[in-house]
Amino acid sequence: QVQLVESGGGLVQAGGSLRLSCVASGRAFSTYAMAWFRQAPGKEREFVAAITWDGGNTYYADSWKGRFTISRDNAKNTVYLQMNSLKPEDTAVYFCAADVTPEIRGTSPDEYYYWGQGTQVTVSS
């Protein structure tokens, strides 16, 4: 079992930055890939970014490539999402997710086994 707790969300003006954190507990953190998803009101959960067990490879959805950066610190059991140049359309609840394999298998929510409770990000215009 893996427990995930996100933090770092909040209200920010357009053009600003936020860094989300997700702390994992339970199963050894360095053995599985991690990802960030988001869900805007009335919309399905969508993939943002993923990272392999060692941080050696990352993958981004086109919508956020270049503005968002995923990283991890295995010593702190934490994965991060640095979000820059935020836009009002980035407003959503952001979730971290854990797979049970060390490599990135895909971008569907169904491919991730464990989820945090989410953290709200609101970007004002």
Protein backbone atom coordinates (compact mmCIF):
# COMPACT_ATOMS: atom_id res chain seq x y z
CA GLN A 1 0.00 0.00 0.00
CA VAL A 2 1.02 3.56 -0.69
CA GLN A 3 -0.38 6.68 0.90
CA LEU A 4 -0.01 10.00 -0.90
CA VAL A 5 -0.53 13.48 0.49
CA GLU A 6 -0.39 16.54 -1.75
CA SER A 7 0.26 20.11 -0.69
CA GLY A 8 1.23 23.43 -2.18
CA GLY A 9 -1.94 24.40 -3.96
CA GLY A 10 -3.56 27.78 -3.57
CA LEU A 11 -4.65 30.97 -5.27
CA VAL A 12 -2.20 32.66 -7.60
CA GLN A 13 -2.42 35.39 -10.22
CA ALA A 14 -1.93 34.61 -13.87
CA GLY A 15 1.75 34.52 -14.71
CA GLY A 16 2.70 33.35 -11.26
CA SER A 17 4.21 30.08 -10.07
CA LEU A 18 3.40 27.33 -7.62
CA ARG A 19 5.23 24.19 -6.57
CA LEU A 20 3.12 21.23 -5.60
CA SER A 21 4.51 18.50 -3.37
CA CYS A 22 3.36 14.96 -2.82
CA VAL A 23 4.75 12.95 0.06
CA ALA A 24 4.48 9.18 -0.12
CA SER A 25 4.49 6.62 2.66
CA GLY A 26 4.18 2.88 2.78
CA ARG A 27 5.87 0.93 0.04
CA ALA A 28 9.45 1.92 -0.85
CA PHE A 29 9.16 5.18 -2.77
CA SER A 30 12.10 4.55 -5.06
CA THR A 31 10.52 1.46 -6.59
CA TYR A 32 7.70 3.05 -8.54
CA ALA A 33 6.92 5.71 -11.10
CA MET A 34 4.89 8.75 -10.12
CA ALA A 35 2.60 11.11 -11.99
CA TRP A 36 0.52 14.23 -11.68
CA PHE A 37 -3.02 14.53 -13.01
CA ARG A 38 -5.53 17.32 -12.87
CA GLN A 39 -9.28 17.58 -12.91
CA ALA A 40 -11.09 20.78 -13.77
CA PRO A 41 -14.75 21.29 -12.81
CA GLY A 42 -17.04 19.25 -15.01
CA LYS A 43 -14.17 17.58 -16.81
CA GLU A 44 -12.46 14.23 -16.70
CA ARG A 45 -9.19 13.67 -14.92
CA GLU A 46 -6.31 14.29 -17.30
CA PHE A 47 -2.62 13.49 -17.35
CA VAL A 48 -0.08 16.24 -16.72
CA ALA A 49 3.33 14.62 -16.20
CA ALA A 50 5.08 11.46 -15.06
CA ILE A 51 8.51 10.48 -13.81
CA THR A 52 10.35 7.18 -13.53
CA TRP A 53 11.47 5.65 -10.26
CA ASP A 54 14.89 7.31 -10.37
CA GLY A 55 13.90 10.57 -12.01
CA GLY A 56 15.89 9.62 -15.08
CA ASN A 57 12.99 9.98 -17.47
CA THR A 58 10.01 12.29 -17.53
CA TYR A 59 7.01 12.63 -19.80
CA TYR A 60 4.62 15.54 -20.21
CA ALA A 61 1.30 16.15 -21.82
CA ASP A 62 1.73 18.65 -24.64
CA SER A 63 -0.48 21.21 -22.92
CA TRP A 64 1.99 21.69 -20.09
CA LYS A 65 5.31 20.89 -21.68
CA GLY A 66 7.71 23.76 -21.15
CA ARG A 67 5.75 25.36 -18.31
CA PHE A 68 5.53 22.54 -15.79
CA THR A 69 8.39 20.41 -14.43
CA ILE A 70 8.06 17.16 -12.55
CA SER A 71 10.85 16.02 -10.25
CA ARG A 72 11.36 13.74 -7.29
CA ASP A 73 13.55 13.41 -4.23
CA ASN A 74 13.67 9.78 -3.20
CA ALA A 75 15.45 10.63 0.03
CA LYS A 76 12.39 12.67 1.03
CA ASN A 77 9.78 10.35 -0.51
CA THR A 78 8.48 13.34 -2.38
CA VAL A 79 7.50 14.18 -5.94
CA TYR A 80 7.12 17.77 -7.06
CA LEU A 81 5.33 19.67 -9.79
CA GLN A 82 6.80 23.09 -10.49
CA MET A 83 4.22 25.17 -12.34
CA ASN A 84 5.33 28.38 -14.02
CA SER A 85 3.59 31.01 -16.13
CA LEU A 86 0.26 29.89 -14.76
CA LYS A 87 -2.91 30.63 -16.71
CA PRO A 88 -6.54 30.74 -15.58
CA GLU A 89 -7.16 27.54 -17.54
CA ASP A 90 -4.67 25.77 -15.25
CA THR A 91 -7.28 26.04 -12.50
CA ALA A 92 -8.09 22.51 -11.31
CA VAL A 93 -7.61 20.02 -8.53
CA TYR A 94 -4.18 18.43 -8.96
CA PHE A 95 -3.62 14.84 -7.91
CA CYS A 96 -0.46 12.83 -7.54
CA ALA A 97 -0.57 9.16 -8.42
CA ALA A 98 1.71 6.18 -7.97
CA ASP A 99 2.16 3.19 -10.20
CA VAL A 100 3.43 -0.20 -9.05
CA THR A 101 6.21 -0.37 -11.64
CA PRO A 102 9.41 1.68 -11.84
CA GLU A 103 8.92 2.87 -15.43
CA ILE A 104 6.25 5.07 -16.97
CA ARG A 105 3.63 2.77 -18.42
CA GLY A 106 1.14 5.28 -19.71
CA THR A 107 -0.96 8.37 -19.21
CA SER A 108 -4.36 6.93 -18.37
CA PRO A 109 -5.62 7.30 -14.80
CA ASP A 110 -6.51 3.60 -14.94
CA GLU A 111 -2.81 2.75 -15.11
CA TYR A 112 -2.04 4.24 -11.70
CA TYR A 113 -2.86 2.37 -8.53
CA TYR A 114 -2.62 4.88 -5.71
CA TRP A 115 -3.94 8.42 -5.47
CA GLY A 116 -3.71 11.37 -3.17
CA GLN A 117 -6.69 13.44 -2.11
CA GLY A 118 -5.81 16.34 -4.41
CA THR A 119 -4.86 19.96 -3.92
CA GLN A 120 -6.75 22.89 -5.41
CA VAL A 121 -4.95 25.30 -7.71
CA THR A 122 -6.80 28.46 -8.65
CA VAL A 123 -5.33 30.95 -11.10
CA SER A 124 -6.97 34.35 -11.26
CA SER A 125 -6.87 36.56 -14.33
